[in-house]
Amino acid sequence: EDKGGRHVAMTPELTPTVARMVVAKGQELQKPIKWMST
């Protein structure tokens, strides 16, 4: 629990995060979206 009382996790994988990012931008992103990160 962080100092703001939020229940948080250190990211165990990337897929849920990038799914959240795609949803956040929605139709603004040109398809196909091709992303990578290390």
Full PDB file with SEQRES, HELIX, SHEET, SSBOND, CRYST1, ORIGX, SCALE, CONECT and MASTER records, all heavy atoms in Angstrom:
SEQRES   1 A   38  GLU ASP LYS GLY GLY ARG HIS VAL ALA MET THR PRO GLU          
SEQRES   2 A   38  LEU THR PRO THR VAL ALA ARG MET VAL VAL ALA LYS GLY          
SEQRES   3 A   38  GLN GLU LEU GLN LYS PRO ILE LYS TRP MET SER THR              
HELIX    1 AA1 THR A   15  LYS A   25  1                                  11    
HELIX    2 AA2 GLY A   26  GLU A   28  5                                   3    
CRYST1    1.000    1.000    1.000  90.00  90.00  90.00 P 1           1          
ORIGX1      1.000000  0.000000  0.000000        0.00000                         
ORIGX2      0.000000  1.000000  0.000000        0.00000                         
ORIGX3      0.000000  0.000000  1.000000        0.00000                         
SCALE1      1.000000  0.000000  0.000000        0.00000                         
SCALE2      0.000000  1.000000  0.000000        0.00000                         
SCALE3      0.000000  0.000000  1.000000        0.00000                         
ATOM      1  N   GLU A   1       0.859  -1.173   0.000  1.00  0.00           N  
ATOM      2  CA  GLU A   1       0.000   0.000   0.000  1.00  0.00           C  
ATOM      3  C   GLU A   1       0.900   1.229   0.000  1.00  0.00           C  
ATOM      4  O   GLU A   1       1.762   1.376   0.866  1.00  0.00           O  
ATOM      5  CB  GLU A   1      -0.902   0.000   1.221  1.00  0.00           C  
ATOM      6  CG  GLU A   1      -1.927   1.127   1.225  1.00  0.00           C  
ATOM      7  CD  GLU A   1      -2.882   1.030   2.385  1.00  0.00           C  
ATOM      8  OE1 GLU A   1      -3.681   0.068   2.413  1.00  0.00           O  
ATOM      9  OE2 GLU A   1      -2.817   1.913   3.280  1.00  0.00           O  
ATOM     10  N   ASP A   2       0.710   2.108  -0.988  1.00  0.00           N  
ATOM     11  CA  ASP A   2       1.575   3.289  -1.061  1.00  0.00           C  
ATOM     12  C   ASP A   2       1.086   4.360  -0.088  1.00  0.00           C  
ATOM     13  O   ASP A   2       0.106   4.172   0.643  1.00  0.00           O  
ATOM     14  CB  ASP A   2       1.685   3.798  -2.496  1.00  0.00           C  
ATOM     15  CG  ASP A   2       0.408   4.460  -3.009  1.00  0.00           C  
ATOM     16  OD1 ASP A   2      -0.548   4.636  -2.231  1.00  0.00           O  
ATOM     17  OD2 ASP A   2       0.369   4.807  -4.202  1.00  0.00           O  
ATOM     18  N   LYS A   3       1.783   5.495  -0.053  1.00  0.00           N  
ATOM     19  CA  LYS A   3       1.480   6.529   0.928  1.00  0.00           C  
ATOM     20  C   LYS A   3       0.144   7.203   0.679  1.00  0.00           C  
ATOM     21  O   LYS A   3      -0.371   7.911   1.554  1.00  0.00           O  
ATOM     22  CB  LYS A   3       2.606   7.564   0.941  1.00  0.00           C  
ATOM     23  CG  LYS A   3       3.911   6.983   1.480  1.00  0.00           C  
ATOM     24  CD  LYS A   3       5.004   8.027   1.537  1.00  0.00           C  
ATOM     25  CE  LYS A   3       6.290   7.418   2.099  1.00  0.00           C  
ATOM     26  NZ  LYS A   3       7.391   8.426   2.193  1.00  0.00           N  
ATOM     27  N   GLY A   4      -0.417   6.971  -0.511  1.00  0.00           N  
ATOM     28  CA  GLY A   4      -1.746   7.499  -0.795  1.00  0.00           C  
ATOM     29  C   GLY A   4      -2.847   6.500  -0.510  1.00  0.00           C  
ATOM     30  O   GLY A   4      -4.012   6.739  -0.850  1.00  0.00           O  
ATOM     31  N   GLY A   5      -2.476   5.354   0.086  1.00  0.00           N  
ATOM     32  CA  GLY A   5      -3.457   4.334   0.414  1.00  0.00           C  
ATOM     33  C   GLY A   5      -3.862   3.461  -0.753  1.00  0.00           C  
ATOM     34  O   GLY A   5      -4.834   2.711  -0.671  1.00  0.00           O  
ATOM     35  N   ARG A   6      -3.120   3.545  -1.856  1.00  0.00           N  
ATOM     36  CA  ARG A   6      -3.430   2.730  -3.039  1.00  0.00           C  
ATOM     37  C   ARG A   6      -2.726   1.377  -2.941  1.00  0.00           C  
ATOM     38  O   ARG A   6      -1.555   1.299  -2.539  1.00  0.00           O  
ATOM     39  CB  ARG A   6      -3.000   3.467  -4.307  1.00  0.00           C  
ATOM     40  CG  ARG A   6      -3.813   4.719  -4.612  1.00  0.00           C  
ATOM     41  CD  ARG A   6      -3.189   5.517  -5.755  1.00  0.00           C  
ATOM     42  NE  ARG A   6      -1.943   6.144  -5.315  1.00  0.00           N  
ATOM     43  CZ  ARG A   6      -1.870   7.404  -4.863  1.00  0.00           C  
ATOM     44  NH1 ARG A   6      -2.953   8.148  -4.811  1.00  0.00           N  
ATOM     45  NH2 ARG A   6      -0.705   7.904  -4.479  1.00  0.00           N  
ATOM     46  N   HIS A   7      -3.429   0.323  -3.326  1.00  0.00           N  
ATOM     47  CA  HIS A   7      -2.857  -1.021  -3.340  1.00  0.00           C  
ATOM     48  C   HIS A   7      -2.179  -1.227  -4.697  1.00  0.00           C  
ATOM     49  O   HIS A   7      -2.856  -1.261  -5.729  1.00  0.00           O  
ATOM     50  CB  HIS A   7      -3.955  -2.063  -3.127  1.00  0.00           C  
ATOM     51  CG  HIS A   7      -3.420  -3.408  -2.721  1.00  0.00           C  
ATOM     52  ND1 HIS A   7      -4.156  -4.558  -2.784  1.00  0.00           N  
ATOM     53  CD2 HIS A   7      -2.189  -3.781  -2.249  1.00  0.00           C  
ATOM     54  CE1 HIS A   7      -3.430  -5.581  -2.366  1.00  0.00           C  
ATOM     55  NE2 HIS A   7      -2.234  -5.135  -2.047  1.00  0.00           N  
ATOM     56  N   VAL A   8      -0.858  -1.299  -4.696  1.00  0.00           N  
ATOM     57  CA  VAL A   8      -0.110  -1.337  -5.949  1.00  0.00           C  
ATOM     58  C   VAL A   8       0.785  -2.577  -5.993  1.00  0.00           C  
ATOM     59  O   VAL A   8       1.059  -3.214  -4.977  1.00  0.00           O  
ATOM     60  CB  VAL A   8       0.760  -0.064  -6.125  1.00  0.00           C  
ATOM     61  CG1 VAL A   8      -0.120   1.174  -6.188  1.00  0.00           C  
ATOM     62  CG2 VAL A   8       1.781   0.061  -4.995  1.00  0.00           C  
ATOM     63  N   ALA A   9       1.228  -2.897  -7.204  1.00  0.00           N  
ATOM     64  CA  ALA A   9       2.113  -4.044  -7.422  1.00  0.00           C  
ATOM     65  C   ALA A   9       3.250  -3.633  -8.336  1.00  0.00           C  
ATOM     66  O   ALA A   9       3.060  -2.829  -9.262  1.00  0.00           O  
ATOM     67  CB  ALA A   9       1.340  -5.209  -8.047  1.00  0.00           C  
ATOM     68  N   MET A  10       4.419  -4.174  -8.074  1.00  0.00           N  
ATOM     69  CA  MET A  10       5.513  -4.030  -9.027  1.00  0.00           C  
ATOM     70  C   MET A  10       5.183  -4.917 -10.215  1.00  0.00           C  
ATOM     71  O   MET A  10       4.808  -6.087 -10.048  1.00  0.00           O  
ATOM     72  CB  MET A  10       6.834  -4.431  -8.370  1.00  0.00           C  
ATOM     73  CG  MET A  10       7.172  -3.565  -7.171  1.00  0.00           C  
ATOM     74  SD  MET A  10       8.744  -4.002  -6.372  1.00  0.00           S  
ATOM     75  CE  MET A  10       9.914  -3.383  -7.594  1.00  0.00           C  
ATOM     76  N   THR A  11       5.301  -4.385 -11.410  1.00  0.00           N  
ATOM     77  CA  THR A  11       4.772  -5.055 -12.599  1.00  0.00           C  
ATOM     78  C   THR A  11       5.425  -6.417 -12.822  1.00  0.00           C  
ATOM     79  O   THR A  11       6.638  -6.508 -12.975  1.00  0.00           O  
ATOM     80  CB  THR A  11       4.970  -4.194 -13.850  1.00  0.00           C  
ATOM     81  OG1 THR A  11       6.324  -3.711 -13.866  1.00  0.00           O  
ATOM     82  CG2 THR A  11       4.047  -3.004 -13.831  1.00  0.00           C  
ATOM     83  N   PRO A  12       4.621  -7.499 -12.879  1.00  0.00           N  
ATOM     84  CA  PRO A  12       5.158  -8.844 -13.089  1.00  0.00           C  
ATOM     85  C   PRO A  12       5.278  -9.232 -14.558  1.00  0.00           C  
ATOM     86  O   PRO A  12       5.905 -10.227 -14.897  1.00  0.00           O  
ATOM     87  CB  PRO A  12       4.131  -9.728 -12.390  1.00  0.00           C  
ATOM     88  CG  PRO A  12       2.837  -8.990 -12.611  1.00  0.00           C  
ATOM     89  CD  PRO A  12       3.188  -7.522 -12.552  1.00  0.00           C  
ATOM     90  N   GLU A  13       4.642  -8.473 -15.434  1.00  0.00           N  
ATOM     91  CA  GLU A  13       4.685  -8.715 -16.869  1.00  0.00           C  
ATOM     92  C   GLU A  13       4.221  -7.441 -17.566  1.00  0.00           C  
ATOM     93  O   GLU A  13       3.697  -6.521 -16.923  1.00  0.00           O  
ATOM     94  CB  GLU A  13       3.787  -9.899 -17.265  1.00  0.00           C  
ATOM     95  CG  GLU A  13       2.331  -9.688 -16.891  1.00  0.00           C  
ATOM     96  CD  GLU A  13       1.408 -10.726 -17.475  1.00  0.00           C  
ATOM     97  OE1 GLU A  13       1.580 -11.047 -18.672  1.00  0.00           O  
ATOM     98  OE2 GLU A  13       0.518 -11.209 -16.755  1.00  0.00           O  
ATOM     99  N   LEU A  14       4.378  -7.399 -18.891  1.00  0.00           N  
ATOM    100  CA  LEU A  14       4.060  -6.166 -19.613  1.00  0.00           C  
ATOM    101  C   LEU A  14       2.673  -6.169 -20.242  1.00  0.00           C  
ATOM    102  O   LEU A  14       2.069  -5.110 -20.409  1.00  0.00           O  
ATOM    103  CB  LEU A  14       5.103  -5.914 -20.708  1.00  0.00           C  
ATOM    104  CG  LEU A  14       5.021  -4.530 -21.364  1.00  0.00           C  
ATOM    105  CD1 LEU A  14       5.401  -3.442 -20.363  1.00  0.00           C  
ATOM    106  CD2 LEU A  14       5.909  -4.450 -22.587  1.00  0.00           C  
ATOM    107  N   THR A  15       2.145  -7.333 -20.597  1.00  0.00           N  
ATOM    108  CA  THR A  15       0.943  -7.381 -21.426  1.00  0.00           C  
ATOM    109  C   THR A  15      -0.234  -6.601 -20.838  1.00  0.00           C  
ATOM    110  O   THR A  15      -0.881  -5.822 -21.558  1.00  0.00           O  
ATOM    111  CB  THR A  15       0.554  -8.835 -21.719  1.00  0.00           C  
ATOM    112  OG1 THR A  15       1.674  -9.514 -22.295  1.00  0.00           O  
ATOM    113  CG2 THR A  15      -0.610  -8.899 -22.690  1.00  0.00           C  
ATOM    114  N   PRO A  16      -0.576  -6.747 -19.542  1.00  0.00           N  
ATOM    115  CA  PRO A  16      -1.680  -5.929 -19.023  1.00  0.00           C  
ATOM    116  C   PRO A  16      -1.410  -4.432 -19.121  1.00  0.00           C  
ATOM    117  O   PRO A  16      -2.323  -3.641 -19.378  1.00  0.00           O  
ATOM    118  CB  PRO A  16      -1.791  -6.384 -17.558  1.00  0.00           C  
ATOM    119  CG  PRO A  16      -1.254  -7.774 -17.563  1.00  0.00           C  
ATOM    120  CD  PRO A  16      -0.116  -7.737 -18.543  1.00  0.00           C  
ATOM    121  N   THR A  17      -0.152  -4.033 -18.928  1.00  0.00           N  
ATOM    122  CA  THR A  17       0.180  -2.609 -19.014  1.00  0.00           C  
ATOM    123  C   THR A  17      -0.029  -2.074 -20.423  1.00  0.00           C  
ATOM    124  O   THR A  17      -0.628  -1.006 -20.616  1.00  0.00           O  
ATOM    125  CB  THR A  17       1.635  -2.375 -18.562  1.00  0.00           C  
ATOM    126  OG1 THR A  17       1.752  -2.672 -17.165  1.00  0.00           O  
ATOM    127  CG2 THR A  17       2.052  -0.933 -18.800  1.00  0.00           C  
ATOM    128  N   VAL A  18       0.478  -2.805 -21.426  1.00  0.00           N  
ATOM    129  CA  VAL A  18       0.302  -2.294 -22.786  1.00  0.00           C  
ATOM    130  C   VAL A  18      -1.162  -2.347 -23.202  1.00  0.00           C  
ATOM    131  O   VAL A  18      -1.619  -1.500 -23.984  1.00  0.00           O  
ATOM    132  CB  VAL A  18       1.201  -3.035 -23.806  1.00  0.00           C  
ATOM    133  CG1 VAL A  18       2.660  -2.719 -23.559  1.00  0.00           C  
ATOM    134  CG2 VAL A  18       0.973  -4.536 -23.797  1.00  0.00           C  
ATOM    135  N   ALA A  19      -1.901  -3.319 -22.678  1.00  0.00           N  
ATOM    136  CA  ALA A  19      -3.340  -3.336 -22.945  1.00  0.00           C  
ATOM    137  C   ALA A  19      -3.985  -2.069 -22.389  1.00  0.00           C  
ATOM    138  O   ALA A  19      -4.806  -1.422 -23.057  1.00  0.00           O  
ATOM    139  CB  ALA A  19      -3.976  -4.576 -22.328  1.00  0.00           C  
ATOM    140  N   ARG A  20      -3.607  -1.689 -21.162  1.00  0.00           N  
ATOM    141  CA  ARG A  20      -4.126  -0.456 -20.572  1.00  0.00           C  
ATOM    142  C   ARG A  20      -3.749   0.757 -21.414  1.00  0.00           C  
ATOM    143  O   ARG A  20      -4.578   1.666 -21.630  1.00  0.00           O  
ATOM    144  CB  ARG A  20      -3.565  -0.315 -19.146  1.00  0.00           C  
ATOM    145  CG  ARG A  20      -3.963   0.980 -18.470  1.00  0.00           C  
ATOM    146  CD  ARG A  20      -3.312   1.127 -17.106  1.00  0.00           C  
ATOM    147  NE  ARG A  20      -1.853   1.092 -17.134  1.00  0.00           N  
ATOM    148  CZ  ARG A  20      -1.072   2.055 -17.593  1.00  0.00           C  
ATOM    149  NH1 ARG A  20      -1.612   3.163 -18.103  1.00  0.00           N  
ATOM    150  NH2 ARG A  20       0.240   1.942 -17.548  1.00  0.00           N  
ATOM    151  N   MET A  21      -2.526   0.777 -21.930  1.00  0.00           N  
ATOM    152  CA  MET A  21      -2.075   1.911 -22.741  1.00  0.00           C  
ATOM    153  C   MET A  21      -2.846   2.008 -24.051  1.00  0.00           C  
ATOM    154  O   MET A  21      -3.202   3.105 -24.499  1.00  0.00           O  
ATOM    155  CB  MET A  21      -0.576   1.773 -23.016  1.00  0.00           C  
ATOM    156  CG  MET A  21       0.285   1.980 -21.782  1.00  0.00           C  
ATOM    157  SD  MET A  21       2.043   1.635 -22.079  1.00  0.00           S  
ATOM    158  CE  MET A  21       2.461   2.939 -23.247  1.00  0.00           C  
ATOM    159  N   VAL A  22      -3.117   0.871 -24.675  1.00  0.00           N  
ATOM    160  CA  VAL A  22      -3.881   0.882 -25.923  1.00  0.00           C  
ATOM    161  C   VAL A  22      -5.297   1.383 -25.672  1.00  0.00           C  
ATOM    162  O   VAL A  22      -5.842   2.193 -26.435  1.00  0.00           O  
ATOM    163  CB  VAL A  22      -3.890  -0.518 -26.566  1.00  0.00           C  
ATOM    164  CG1 VAL A  22      -4.879  -0.573 -27.734  1.00  0.00           C  
ATOM    165  CG2 VAL A  22      -2.494  -0.909 -27.049  1.00  0.00           C  
ATOM    166  N   VAL A  23      -5.904   0.913 -24.592  1.00  0.00           N  
ATOM    167  CA  VAL A  23      -7.251   1.358 -24.264  1.00  0.00           C  
ATOM    168  C   VAL A  23      -7.272   2.861 -24.003  1.00  0.00           C  
ATOM    169  O   VAL A  23      -8.185   3.576 -24.435  1.00  0.00           O  
ATOM    170  CB  VAL A  23      -7.787   0.584 -23.040  1.00  0.00           C  
ATOM    171  CG1 VAL A  23      -9.110   1.182 -22.571  1.00  0.00           C  
ATOM    172  CG2 VAL A  23      -7.966  -0.896 -23.381  1.00  0.00           C  
ATOM    173  N   ALA A  24      -6.246   3.370 -23.318  1.00  0.00           N  
ATOM    174  CA  ALA A  24      -6.215   4.792 -22.948  1.00  0.00           C  
ATOM    175  C   ALA A  24      -6.183   5.699 -24.165  1.00  0.00           C  
ATOM    176  O   ALA A  24      -6.801   6.765 -24.173  1.00  0.00           O  
ATOM    177  CB  ALA A  24      -4.998   5.063 -22.058  1.00  0.00           C  
ATOM    178  N   LYS A  25      -5.507   5.284 -25.216  1.00  0.00           N  
ATOM    179  CA  LYS A  25      -5.399   6.113 -26.429  1.00  0.00           C  
ATOM    180  C   LYS A  25      -6.487   5.807 -27.446  1.00  0.00           C  
ATOM    181  O   LYS A  25      -6.799   6.640 -28.306  1.00  0.00           O  
ATOM    182  CB  LYS A  25      -4.023   5.917 -27.076  1.00  0.00           C  
ATOM    183  CG  LYS A  25      -2.888   6.578 -26.319  1.00  0.00           C  
ATOM    184  CD  LYS A  25      -2.937   8.091 -26.432  1.00  0.00           C  
ATOM    185  CE  LYS A  25      -1.736   8.738 -25.812  1.00  0.00           C  
ATOM    186  NZ  LYS A  25      -1.751  10.209 -25.938  1.00  0.00           N  
ATOM    187  N   GLY A  26      -7.027   4.587 -27.384  1.00  0.00           N  
ATOM    188  CA  GLY A  26      -8.134   4.224 -28.250  1.00  0.00           C  
ATOM    189  C   GLY A  26      -7.862   4.440 -29.725  1.00  0.00           C  
ATOM    190  O   GLY A  26      -6.866   3.994 -30.278  1.00  0.00           O  
ATOM    191  N   GLN A  27      -8.738   5.199 -30.353  1.00  0.00           N  
ATOM    192  CA  GLN A  27      -8.685   5.381 -31.798  1.00  0.00           C  
ATOM    193  C   GLN A  27      -7.585   6.351 -32.240  1.00  0.00           C  
ATOM    194  O   GLN A  27      -7.362   6.531 -33.437  1.00  0.00           O  
ATOM    195  CB  GLN A  27     -10.042   5.879 -32.300  1.00  0.00           C  
ATOM    196  CG  GLN A  27     -11.194   4.903 -32.050  1.00  0.00           C  
ATOM    197  CD  GLN A  27     -10.930   3.534 -32.635  1.00  0.00           C  
ATOM    198  OE1 GLN A  27     -10.557   3.403 -33.806  1.00  0.00           O  
ATOM    199  NE2 GLN A  27     -11.109   2.497 -31.824  1.00  0.00           N  
ATOM    200  N   GLU A  28      -6.890   6.979 -31.298  1.00  0.00           N  
ATOM    201  CA  GLU A  28      -5.816   7.894 -31.674  1.00  0.00           C  
ATOM    202  C   GLU A  28      -4.620   7.157 -32.273  1.00  0.00           C  
ATOM    203  O   GLU A  28      -3.826   7.742 -33.005  1.00  0.00           O  
ATOM    204  CB  GLU A  28      -5.337   8.681 -30.445  1.00  0.00           C  
ATOM    205  CG  GLU A  28      -6.383   9.568 -29.811  1.00  0.00           C  
ATOM    206  CD  GLU A  28      -5.833  10.243 -28.567  1.00  0.00           C  
ATOM    207  OE1 GLU A  28      -4.657  10.669 -28.596  1.00  0.00           O  
ATOM    208  OE2 GLU A  28      -6.564  10.316 -27.561  1.00  0.00           O  
ATOM    209  N   LEU A  29      -4.482   5.885 -31.952  1.00  0.00           N  
ATOM    210  CA  LEU A  29      -3.308   5.117 -32.369  1.00  0.00           C  
ATOM    211  C   LEU A  29      -3.509   4.539 -33.765  1.00  0.00           C  
ATOM    212  O   LEU A  29      -4.554   3.952 -34.064  1.00  0.00           O  
ATOM    213  CB  LEU A  29      -3.044   3.983 -31.373  1.00  0.00           C  
ATOM    214  CG  LEU A  29      -2.750   4.437 -29.937  1.00  0.00           C  
ATOM    215  CD1 LEU A  29      -2.742   3.242 -28.995  1.00  0.00           C  
ATOM    216  CD2 LEU A  29      -1.409   5.164 -29.883  1.00  0.00           C  
ATOM    217  N   GLN A  30      -2.516   4.704 -34.612  1.00  0.00           N  
ATOM    218  CA  GLN A  30      -2.577   4.152 -35.959  1.00  0.00           C  
ATOM    219  C   GLN A  30      -2.344   2.647 -35.917  1.00  0.00           C  
ATOM    220  O   GLN A  30      -1.407   2.168 -35.297  1.00  0.00           O  
ATOM    221  CB  GLN A  30      -1.512   4.817 -36.838  1.00  0.00           C  
ATOM    222  CG  GLN A  30      -1.504   4.316 -38.275  1.00  0.00           C  
ATOM    223  CD  GLN A  30      -0.539   5.114 -39.130  1.00  0.00           C  
ATOM    224  OE1 GLN A  30      -0.494   6.329 -39.064  1.00  0.00           O  
ATOM    225  NE2 GLN A  30       0.247   4.415 -39.930  1.00  0.00           N  
ATOM    226  N   LYS A  31      -3.203   1.899 -36.564  1.00  0.00           N  
ATOM    227  CA  LYS A  31      -3.120   0.447 -36.568  1.00  0.00           C  
ATOM    228  C   LYS A  31      -2.442  -0.053 -37.857  1.00  0.00           C  
ATOM    229  O   LYS A  31      -2.612   0.567 -38.905  1.00  0.00           O  
ATOM    230  CB  LYS A  31      -4.527  -0.170 -36.473  1.00  0.00           C  
ATOM    231  CG  LYS A  31      -5.407   0.410 -35.373  1.00  0.00           C  
ATOM    232  CD  LYS A  31      -5.190  -0.229 -34.063  1.00  0.00           C  
ATOM    233  CE  LYS A  31      -6.216   0.152 -33.009  1.00  0.00           C  
ATOM    234  NZ  LYS A  31      -6.602   1.554 -32.899  1.00  0.00           N  
ATOM    235  N   PRO A  32      -1.714  -1.145 -37.795  1.00  0.00           N  
ATOM    236  CA  PRO A  32      -1.403  -1.877 -36.572  1.00  0.00           C  
ATOM    237  C   PRO A  32      -0.403  -1.126 -35.703  1.00  0.00           C  
ATOM    238  O   PRO A  32       0.479  -0.434 -36.207  1.00  0.00           O  
ATOM    239  CB  PRO A  32      -0.815  -3.188 -37.084  1.00  0.00           C  
ATOM    240  CG  PRO A  32      -0.202  -2.842 -38.399  1.00  0.00           C  
ATOM    241  CD  PRO A  32      -1.103  -1.797 -38.996  1.00  0.00           C  
ATOM    242  N   ILE A  33      -0.573  -1.281 -34.406  1.00  0.00           N  
ATOM    243  CA  ILE A  33       0.349  -0.703 -33.432  1.00  0.00           C  
ATOM    244  C   ILE A  33       1.485  -1.704 -33.235  1.00  0.00           C  
ATOM    245  O   ILE A  33       1.240  -2.882 -32.967  1.00  0.00           O  
ATOM    246  CB  ILE A  33      -0.375  -0.461 -32.090  1.00  0.00           C  
ATOM    247  CG1 ILE A  33      -1.625   0.396 -32.308  1.00  0.00           C  
ATOM    248  CG2 ILE A  33       0.564   0.140 -31.070  1.00  0.00           C  
ATOM    249  CD1 ILE A  33      -2.627   0.278 -31.183  1.00  0.00           C  
ATOM    250  N   LYS A  34       2.716  -1.241 -33.362  1.00  0.00           N  
ATOM    251  CA  LYS A  34       3.868  -2.130 -33.215  1.00  0.00           C  
ATOM    252  C   LYS A  34       4.810  -1.533 -32.172  1.00  0.00           C  
ATOM    253  O   LYS A  34       5.486  -0.551 -32.432  1.00  0.00           O  
ATOM    254  CB  LYS A  34       4.575  -2.321 -34.561  1.00  0.00           C  
ATOM    255  CG  LYS A  34       3.679  -2.974 -35.614  1.00  0.00           C  
ATOM    256  CD  LYS A  34       4.323  -3.002 -36.986  1.00  0.00           C  
ATOM    257  CE  LYS A  34       5.506  -3.927 -37.019  1.00  0.00           C  
ATOM    258  NZ  LYS A  34       6.037  -4.083 -38.398  1.00  0.00           N  
ATOM    259  N   TRP A  35       4.816  -2.141 -30.995  1.00  0.00           N  
ATOM    260  CA  TRP A  35       5.562  -1.609 -29.863  1.00  0.00           C  
ATOM    261  C   TRP A  35       6.590  -2.611 -29.364  1.00  0.00           C  
ATOM    262  O   TRP A  35       6.396  -3.835 -29.460  1.00  0.00           O  
ATOM    263  CB  TRP A  35       4.611  -1.283 -28.716  1.00  0.00           C  
ATOM    264  CG  TRP A  35       3.801  -0.044 -28.921  1.00  0.00           C  
ATOM    265  CD1 TRP A  35       3.962   0.922 -29.868  1.00  0.00           C  
ATOM    266  CD2 TRP A  35       2.673   0.368 -28.136  1.00  0.00           C  
ATOM    267  NE1 TRP A  35       3.026   1.913 -29.714  1.00  0.00           N  
ATOM    268  CE2 TRP A  35       2.217   1.608 -28.670  1.00  0.00           C  
ATOM    269  CE3 TRP A  35       2.016  -0.175 -27.036  1.00  0.00           C  
ATOM    270  CZ2 TRP A  35       1.131   2.287 -28.137  1.00  0.00           C  
ATOM    271  CZ3 TRP A  35       0.934   0.501 -26.498  1.00  0.00           C  
ATOM    272  CH2 TRP A  35       0.488   1.724 -27.049  1.00  0.00           C  
ATOM    273  N   MET A  36       7.668  -2.075 -28.791  1.00  0.00           N  
ATOM    274  CA  MET A  36       8.651  -2.930 -28.136  1.00  0.00           C  
ATOM    275  C   MET A  36       9.261  -2.182 -26.959  1.00  0.00           C  
ATOM    276  O   MET A  36       9.273  -0.951 -26.924  1.00  0.00           O  
ATOM    277  CB  MET A  36       9.744  -3.389 -29.121  1.00  0.00           C  
ATOM    278  CG  MET A  36      10.644  -2.299 -29.644  1.00  0.00           C  
ATOM    279  SD  MET A  36      12.144  -2.077 -28.680  1.00  0.00           S  
ATOM    280  CE  MET A  36      13.043  -0.956 -29.778  1.00  0.00           C  
ATOM    281  N   SER A  37       9.762  -2.935 -25.986  1.00  0.00           N  
ATOM    282  CA  SER A  37      10.478  -2.330 -24.857  1.00  0.00           C  
ATOM    283  C   SER A  37      11.303  -3.397 -24.155  1.00  0.00           C  
ATOM    284  O   SER A  37      10.993  -4.590 -24.225  1.00  0.00           O  
ATOM    285  CB  SER A  37       9.504  -1.687 -23.862  1.00  0.00           C  
ATOM    286  OG  SER A  37       8.778  -2.669 -23.154  1.00  0.00           O  
ATOM    287  N   THR A  38      12.355  -2.939 -23.479  1.00  0.00           N  
ATOM    288  CA  THR A  38      13.172  -3.797 -22.628  1.00  0.00           C  
ATOM    289  C   THR A  38      13.171  -3.201 -21.236  1.00  0.00           C  
ATOM    290  O   THR A  38      13.452  -2.012 -21.076  1.00  0.00           O  
ATOM    291  CB  THR A  38      14.615  -3.880 -23.149  1.00  0.00           C  
ATOM    292  OG1 THR A  38      14.624  -4.478 -24.450  1.00  0.00           O  
ATOM    293  CG2 THR A  38      15.481  -4.727 -22.215  1.00  0.00           C  
TER     294      THR A  38                                                      
MASTER        0    0    0    2    0    0    0    6  293    1    0    3          
END                                                                             
